[in-house]
C-alpha atoms as a PDB file:
ATOM      1  CA  UNK A   1      32.264  22.277  -7.571  1.00  0.00           C
ATOM      2  CA  UNK A   2      31.887  24.631  -4.596  1.00  0.00           C
ATOM      3  CA  UNK A   3      35.424  24.037  -2.916  1.00  0.00           C
ATOM      4  CA  UNK A   4      37.359  27.209  -3.851  1.00  0.00           C
ATOM      5  CA  UNK A   5      34.233  29.138  -2.514  1.00  0.00           C
ATOM      6  CA  UNK A   6      34.456  27.195   0.912  1.00  0.00           C
ATOM      7  CA  UNK A   7      38.204  27.814   1.271  1.00  0.00           C
ATOM      8  CA  UNK A   8      37.685  31.349   0.335  1.00  0.00           C
ATOM      9  CA  UNK A   9      34.926  31.861   3.331  1.00  0.00           C
ATOM     10  CA  UNK A  10      36.995  29.401   5.577  1.00  0.00           C
ATOM     11  CA  UNK A  11      34.814  26.760   5.337  1.00  0.00           C
ATOM     12  CA  UNK A  12      37.334  23.792   5.578  1.00  0.00           C
ATOM     13  CA  UNK A  13      35.004  21.126   6.818  1.00  0.00           C
ATOM     14  CA  UNK A  14      34.296  18.477   4.250  1.00  0.00           C
ATOM     15  CA  UNK A  15      31.276  19.046   1.937  1.00  0.00           C
ATOM     16  CA  UNK A  16      29.539  16.108   0.574  1.00  0.00           C
ATOM     17  CA  UNK A  17      29.657  15.694  -3.140  1.00  0.00           C
ATOM     18  CA  UNK A  18      26.189  16.679  -4.708  1.00  0.00           C
ATOM     19  CA  UNK A  19      27.026  16.009  -8.162  1.00  0.00           C
ATOM     20  CA  UNK A  20      28.265  12.595  -9.673  1.00  0.00           C
ATOM     21  CA  UNK A  21      31.567  12.501 -11.582  1.00  0.00           C
ATOM     22  CA  UNK A  22      30.318  12.092 -14.895  1.00  0.00           C
ATOM     23  CA  UNK A  23      33.739  11.276 -16.414  1.00  0.00           C
ATOM     24  CA  UNK A  24      33.232   7.828 -15.161  1.00  0.00           C
ATOM     25  CA  UNK A  25      30.826   4.962 -15.874  1.00  0.00           C
ATOM     26  CA  UNK A  26      29.703   5.011 -12.123  1.00  0.00           C
ATOM     27  CA  UNK A  27      28.631   8.512 -12.361  1.00  0.00           C
ATOM     28  CA  UNK A  28      26.844   8.733 -15.544  1.00  0.00           C
ATOM     29  CA  UNK A  29      25.651   5.100 -15.843  1.00  0.00           C
ATOM     30  CA  UNK A  30      23.030   5.485 -12.916  1.00  0.00           C
ATOM     31  CA  UNK A  31      21.705   8.791 -14.529  1.00  0.00           C
ATOM     32  CA  UNK A  32      21.465   6.972 -17.780  1.00  0.00           C
ATOM     33  CA  UNK A  33      19.374   4.022 -16.250  1.00  0.00           C
ATOM     34  CA  UNK A  34      17.230   6.457 -14.346  1.00  0.00           C
ATOM     35  CA  UNK A  35      16.584   8.203 -17.622  1.00  0.00           C
ATOM     36  CA  UNK A  36      15.644   5.300 -19.560  1.00  0.00           C
ATOM     37  CA  UNK A  37      13.625   3.849 -16.569  1.00  0.00           C
ATOM     38  CA  UNK A  38      11.677   7.226 -16.458  1.00  0.00           C
ATOM     39  CA  UNK A  39      10.846   7.119 -20.244  1.00  0.00           C
ATOM     40  CA  UNK A  40       9.706   3.660 -20.054  1.00  0.00           C
ATOM     41  CA  UNK A  41       7.335   4.353 -17.046  1.00  0.00           C
ATOM     42  CA  UNK A  42       6.003   7.650 -19.104  1.00  0.00           C
ATOM     43  CA  UNK A  43       5.586   5.614 -21.966  1.00  0.00           C
ATOM     44  CA  UNK A  44       3.679   3.032 -20.030  1.00  0.00           C
ATOM     45  CA  UNK A  45       1.273   5.732 -18.399  1.00  0.00           C
ATOM     46  CA  UNK A  46       0.504   7.156 -21.711  1.00  0.00           C
ATOM     47  CA  UNK A  47       0.136   3.962 -23.737  1.00  0.00           C
ATOM     48  CA  UNK A  48      -1.225   1.557 -21.255  1.00  0.00           C
ATOM     49  CA  UNK A  49      -3.247   4.505 -19.991  1.00  0.00           C
ATOM     50  CA  UNK A  50      -5.491   4.184 -23.059  1.00  0.00           C
ATOM     51  CA  UNK A  51      -6.111   0.541 -22.431  1.00  0.00           C
ATOM     52  CA  UNK A  52      -6.819   0.886 -18.913  1.00  0.00           C
ATOM     53  CA  UNK A  53      -9.108   3.890 -19.605  1.00  0.00           C
ATOM     54  CA  UNK A  54     -11.035   2.115 -22.229  1.00  0.00           C
ATOM     55  CA  UNK A  55     -11.457  -1.056 -19.882  1.00  0.00           C
ATOM     56  CA  UNK A  56     -12.778   1.805 -17.193  1.00  0.00           C
ATOM     57  CA  UNK A  57     -15.337   3.090 -19.685  1.00  0.00           C
ATOM     58  CA  UNK A  58     -16.477  -0.124 -20.894  1.00  0.00           C
ATOM     59  CA  UNK A  59     -19.449  -0.614 -18.642  1.00  0.00           C
ATOM     60  CA  UNK A  60     -20.796   2.694 -19.890  1.00  0.00           C
ATOM     61  CA  UNK A  61     -21.518   1.445 -23.635  1.00  0.00           C
ATOM     62  CA  UNK A  62     -24.067  -0.705 -25.016  1.00  0.00           C
ATOM     63  CA  UNK A  63     -23.112  -4.259 -26.437  1.00  0.00           C
ATOM     64  CA  UNK A  64     -21.999  -2.973 -29.802  1.00  0.00           C
ATOM     65  CA  UNK A  65     -20.112  -0.103 -28.491  1.00  0.00           C
ATOM     66  CA  UNK A  66     -18.270  -2.448 -26.143  1.00  0.00           C
ATOM     67  CA  UNK A  67     -17.006  -4.561 -29.015  1.00  0.00           C
ATOM     68  CA  UNK A  68     -16.108  -1.435 -31.049  1.00  0.00           C
ATOM     69  CA  UNK A  69     -14.373  -0.099 -27.703  1.00  0.00           C
ATOM     70  CA  UNK A  70     -12.362  -3.427 -27.060  1.00  0.00           C
ATOM     71  CA  UNK A  71     -11.609  -3.668 -30.971  1.00  0.00           C
ATOM     72  CA  UNK A  72      -9.918  -0.265 -30.709  1.00  0.00           C
ATOM     73  CA  UNK A  73      -7.232  -1.336 -28.358  1.00  0.00           C
ATOM     74  CA  UNK A  74      -7.013  -4.775 -29.708  1.00  0.00           C
ATOM     75  CA  UNK A  75      -3.670  -4.557 -31.720  1.00  0.00           C
ATOM     76  CA  UNK A  76      -2.089  -2.393 -28.734  1.00  0.00           C
ATOM     77  CA  UNK A  77      -2.882  -3.257 -25.463  1.00  0.00           C
ATOM     78  CA  UNK A  78      -0.713  -6.499 -25.009  1.00  0.00           C
ATOM     79  CA  UNK A  79       2.517  -4.857 -26.358  1.00  0.00           C
ATOM     80  CA  UNK A  80       1.909  -1.612 -24.223  1.00  0.00           C
ATOM     81  CA  UNK A  81       2.236  -3.681 -20.999  1.00  0.00           C
ATOM     82  CA  UNK A  82       5.715  -4.364 -21.986  1.00  0.00           C
ATOM     83  CA  UNK A  83       6.951  -1.013 -21.043  1.00  0.00           C
ATOM     84  CA  UNK A  84       6.083  -1.665 -17.412  1.00  0.00           C
ATOM     85  CA  UNK A  85       8.127  -4.823 -17.433  1.00  0.00           C
ATOM     86  CA  UNK A  86      10.924  -2.711 -19.011  1.00  0.00           C
ATOM     87  CA  UNK A  87      10.774  -0.176 -16.062  1.00  0.00           C
ATOM     88  CA  UNK A  88      10.653  -2.704 -13.067  1.00  0.00           C
ATOM     89  CA  UNK A  89      13.395  -4.756 -14.952  1.00  0.00           C
ATOM     90  CA  UNK A  90      15.506  -1.714 -14.994  1.00  0.00           C
ATOM     91  CA  UNK A  91      14.916  -0.987 -11.440  1.00  0.00           C
ATOM     92  CA  UNK A  92      15.818  -4.407 -10.660  1.00  0.00           C
ATOM     93  CA  UNK A  93      19.120  -4.652 -12.606  1.00  0.00           C
ATOM     94  CA  UNK A  94      20.326  -0.877 -12.054  1.00  0.00           C
ATOM     95  CA  UNK A  95      18.917  -0.027  -8.508  1.00  0.00           C
ATOM     96  CA  UNK A  96      18.516  -3.524  -6.708  1.00  0.00           C
ATOM     97  CA  UNK A  97      18.544  -1.929  -3.373  1.00  0.00           C
ATOM     98  CA  UNK A  98      15.535   0.545  -4.319  1.00  0.00           C
ATOM     99  CA  UNK A  99      13.950  -2.131  -6.006  1.00  0.00           C
ATOM    100  CA  UNK A 100      14.150  -4.351  -2.767  1.00  0.00           C
ATOM    101  CA  UNK A 101      12.956  -1.477  -0.838  1.00  0.00           C
ATOM    102  CA  UNK A 102       9.991  -0.179  -2.912  1.00  0.00           C
ATOM    103  CA  UNK A 103       8.463  -3.292  -3.687  1.00  0.00           C
ATOM    104  CA  UNK A 104       8.894  -4.856  -0.174  1.00  0.00           C
ATOM    105  CA  UNK A 105       6.806  -1.899   1.030  1.00  0.00           C
ATOM    106  CA  UNK A 106       4.192  -1.887  -1.886  1.00  0.00           C
ATOM    107  CA  UNK A 107       3.836  -5.477  -1.718  1.00  0.00           C
ATOM    108  CA  UNK A 108      -0.012  -5.839  -1.606  1.00  0.00           C
ATOM    109  CA  UNK A 109      -0.727  -3.158  -3.979  1.00  0.00           C
ATOM    110  CA  UNK A 110       1.891  -4.842  -6.280  1.00  0.00           C
ATOM    111  CA  UNK A 111       0.310  -8.006  -5.998  1.00  0.00           C
ATOM    112  CA  UNK A 112      -3.245  -6.746  -6.548  1.00  0.00           C
ATOM    113  CA  UNK A 113      -2.052  -4.691  -9.795  1.00  0.00           C
ATOM    114  CA  UNK A 114      -0.776  -7.909 -11.063  1.00  0.00           C
ATOM    115  CA  UNK A 115      -3.978  -9.693 -10.202  1.00  0.00           C
ATOM    116  CA  UNK A 116      -5.751  -6.906 -12.229  1.00  0.00           C
ATOM    117  CA  UNK A 117      -3.588  -7.172 -15.162  1.00  0.00           C
ATOM    118  CA  UNK A 118      -4.122 -10.779 -15.340  1.00  0.00           C
ATOM    119  CA  UNK A 119      -7.627 -10.384 -15.192  1.00  0.00           C
ATOM    120  CA  UNK A 120      -7.635  -8.017 -17.913  1.00  0.00           C
ATOM    121  CA  UNK A 121      -5.646 -10.187 -20.035  1.00  0.00           C
ATOM    122  CA  UNK A 122      -7.774 -13.150 -19.652  1.00  0.00           C
ATOM    123  CA  UNK A 123     -11.045 -11.378 -19.819  1.00  0.00           C
ATOM    124  CA  UNK A 124      -9.771  -9.689 -23.176  1.00  0.00           C
ATOM    125  CA  UNK A 125      -9.155 -13.081 -24.525  1.00  0.00           C
ATOM    126  CA  UNK A 126     -12.273 -14.932 -23.186  1.00  0.00           C
ATOM    127  CA  UNK A 127     -14.736 -12.358 -24.129  1.00  0.00           C
ATOM    128  CA  UNK A 128     -14.069 -12.940 -27.795  1.00  0.00           C
ATOM    129  CA  UNK A 129     -14.525 -16.819 -27.714  1.00  0.00           C
ATOM    130  CA  UNK A 130     -17.332 -16.979 -25.222  1.00  0.00           C
ATOM    131  CA  UNK A 131     -21.051 -17.422 -25.614  1.00  0.00           C
ATOM    132  CA  UNK A 132     -23.583 -14.491 -25.671  1.00  0.00           C
ATOM    133  CA  UNK A 133     -24.491 -15.429 -22.106  1.00  0.00           C
ATOM    134  CA  UNK A 134     -21.146 -15.272 -20.743  1.00  0.00           C
ATOM    135  CA  UNK A 135     -19.871 -12.250 -22.691  1.00  0.00           C
ATOM    136  CA  UNK A 136     -21.247 -10.004 -20.032  1.00  0.00           C
ATOM    137  CA  UNK A 137     -19.451 -11.722 -17.217  1.00  0.00           C
ATOM    138  CA  UNK A 138     -16.148 -11.197 -19.129  1.00  0.00           C
ATOM    139  CA  UNK A 139     -16.860  -7.655 -19.864  1.00  0.00           C
ATOM    140  CA  UNK A 140     -17.364  -6.904 -16.167  1.00  0.00           C
ATOM    141  CA  UNK A 141     -14.212  -8.940 -15.145  1.00  0.00           C
ATOM    142  CA  UNK A 142     -12.315  -6.711 -17.821  1.00  0.00           C
ATOM    143  CA  UNK A 143     -13.771  -3.479 -16.256  1.00  0.00           C
ATOM    144  CA  UNK A 144     -12.839  -4.661 -12.748  1.00  0.00           C
ATOM    145  CA  UNK A 145      -9.394  -5.761 -13.825  1.00  0.00           C
ATOM    146  CA  UNK A 146      -9.007  -2.228 -15.204  1.00  0.00           C
ATOM    147  CA  UNK A 147     -10.430  -0.599 -12.144  1.00  0.00           C
ATOM    148  CA  UNK A 148      -8.141  -2.594  -9.795  1.00  0.00           C
ATOM    149  CA  UNK A 149      -4.878  -2.052 -11.614  1.00  0.00           C
ATOM    150  CA  UNK A 150      -5.540   1.620 -11.962  1.00  0.00           C
ATOM    151  CA  UNK A 151      -6.440   2.239  -8.205  1.00  0.00           C
ATOM    152  CA  UNK A 152      -3.272  -0.060  -7.274  1.00  0.00           C
ATOM    153  CA  UNK A 153      -0.770   2.054  -9.744  1.00  0.00           C
ATOM    154  CA  UNK A 154      -2.469   5.485  -8.333  1.00  0.00           C
ATOM    155  CA  UNK A 155      -2.092   4.064  -4.416  1.00  0.00           C
ATOM    156  CA  UNK A 156       1.561   3.084  -5.084  1.00  0.00           C
ATOM    157  CA  UNK A 157       2.132   6.419  -6.510  1.00  0.00           C
ATOM    158  CA  UNK A 158       0.701   8.122  -3.565  1.00  0.00           C
ATOM    159  CA  UNK A 159       2.480   6.427  -1.111  1.00  0.00           C
ATOM    160  CA  UNK A 160       5.981   6.508  -2.977  1.00  0.00           C
ATOM    161  CA  UNK A 161       5.614  10.393  -3.032  1.00  0.00           C
ATOM    162  CA  UNK A 162       4.969  10.373   0.876  1.00  0.00           C
ATOM    163  CA  UNK A 163       8.078   8.175   1.346  1.00  0.00           C
ATOM    164  CA  UNK A 164       6.699   4.962   1.764  1.00  0.00           C
ATOM    165  CA  UNK A 165       5.323   5.544   5.402  1.00  0.00           C
ATOM    166  CA  UNK A 166       2.190   3.898   5.995  1.00  0.00           C
ATOM    167  CA  UNK A 167       0.663   6.581   8.238  1.00  0.00           C
ATOM    168  CA  UNK A 168      -3.035   7.330   8.355  1.00  0.00           C
ATOM    169  CA  UNK A 169      -2.545  10.540   6.272  1.00  0.00           C
ATOM    170  CA  UNK A 170      -0.048   9.099   3.744  1.00  0.00           C
ATOM    171  CA  UNK A 171      -2.453   6.363   3.319  1.00  0.00           C
ATOM    172  CA  UNK A 172      -5.293   8.869   2.828  1.00  0.00           C
ATOM    173  CA  UNK A 173      -3.301  10.614   0.169  1.00  0.00           C
ATOM    174  CA  UNK A 174      -2.583   7.293  -1.418  1.00  0.00           C
ATOM    175  CA  UNK A 175      -6.327   6.633  -1.806  1.00  0.00           C
ATOM    176  CA  UNK A 176      -6.700   9.935  -3.076  1.00  0.00           C
ATOM    177  CA  UNK A 177      -4.078   9.718  -5.703  1.00  0.00           C
ATOM    178  CA  UNK A 178      -5.551   6.218  -6.676  1.00  0.00           C
ATOM    179  CA  UNK A 179      -8.835   8.122  -7.384  1.00  0.00           C
ATOM    180  CA  UNK A 180      -6.944  10.783  -9.474  1.00  0.00           C
ATOM    181  CA  UNK A 181      -5.042   8.313 -11.600  1.00  0.00           C
ATOM    182  CA  UNK A 182      -7.905   6.281 -12.311  1.00  0.00           C
ATOM    183  CA  UNK A 183      -9.792   9.665 -13.595  1.00  0.00           C
ATOM    184  CA  UNK A 184      -7.096  10.322 -15.701  1.00  0.00           C
ATOM    185  CA  UNK A 185      -6.629   6.815 -17.102  1.00  0.00           C
ATOM    186  CA  UNK A 186     -10.411   7.281 -17.993  1.00  0.00           C
ATOM    187  CA  UNK A 187      -9.713  10.594 -19.601  1.00  0.00           C
ATOM    188  CA  UNK A 188      -6.853   9.400 -21.579  1.00  0.00           C
ATOM    189  CA  UNK A 189      -9.127   6.611 -22.654  1.00  0.00           C
ATOM    190  CA  UNK A 190     -12.141   8.858 -23.367  1.00  0.00           C
ATOM    191  CA  UNK A 191      -9.943  10.727 -25.771  1.00  0.00           C
ATOM    192  CA  UNK A 192      -8.492   7.593 -27.469  1.00  0.00           C
ATOM    193  CA  UNK A 193     -12.156   6.493 -28.073  1.00  0.00           C
ATOM    194  CA  UNK A 194     -12.973   9.969 -29.591  1.00  0.00           C
ATOM    195  CA  UNK A 195      -9.786   9.809 -31.939  1.00  0.00           C
ATOM    196  CA  UNK A 196     -10.724   6.345 -32.843  1.00  0.00           C
ATOM    197  CA  UNK A 197     -13.998   7.322 -33.933  1.00  0.00           C
ATOM    198  CA  UNK A 198     -13.267  10.566 -35.764  1.00  0.00           C
ATOM    199  CA  UNK A 199     -10.656   8.517 -37.813  1.00  0.00           C
ATOM    200  CA  UNK A 200     -13.448   5.931 -39.005  1.00  0.00           C
END
């Protein structure tokens, strides 16, 4: 795209192609996969964000309010996590080299996020079937899983933005991003609860 200008000014050295050749599948297919992956991650942040936010706000409610809060996300929360699976799946299939680098550098926070998501799933199901004296423990487990997953996702985002370099400054930014993402999820969860209350 810039070659005529380069020739006119006498720049005969090789200029790297900055834009892919969109006339071939090798050019447009990575962009299409990148778009689908970006949309799936965006859908996960918005849709599962209110699930995580409700989990983060769970400890602030009374026993009756906790039942209402959990019931408000009951029909949606499990399906919302499939967007994360889709995004990571596309990363693995379309960009295997990037998948290996990113998940290799973020192995520990990814593992912690999966522990948090698993804890949320177990607590969500068991709190309904548990006896009254055990219900508080499962509520705390649901809150803990939501907090762990949110912090892990925020930390991964911060470290990814800084190029996956685990320096002191980058880790500090990752921790700050973890707090900000957790606060953002809590905000989305609060907005969801307000919409549900006004919808009744």
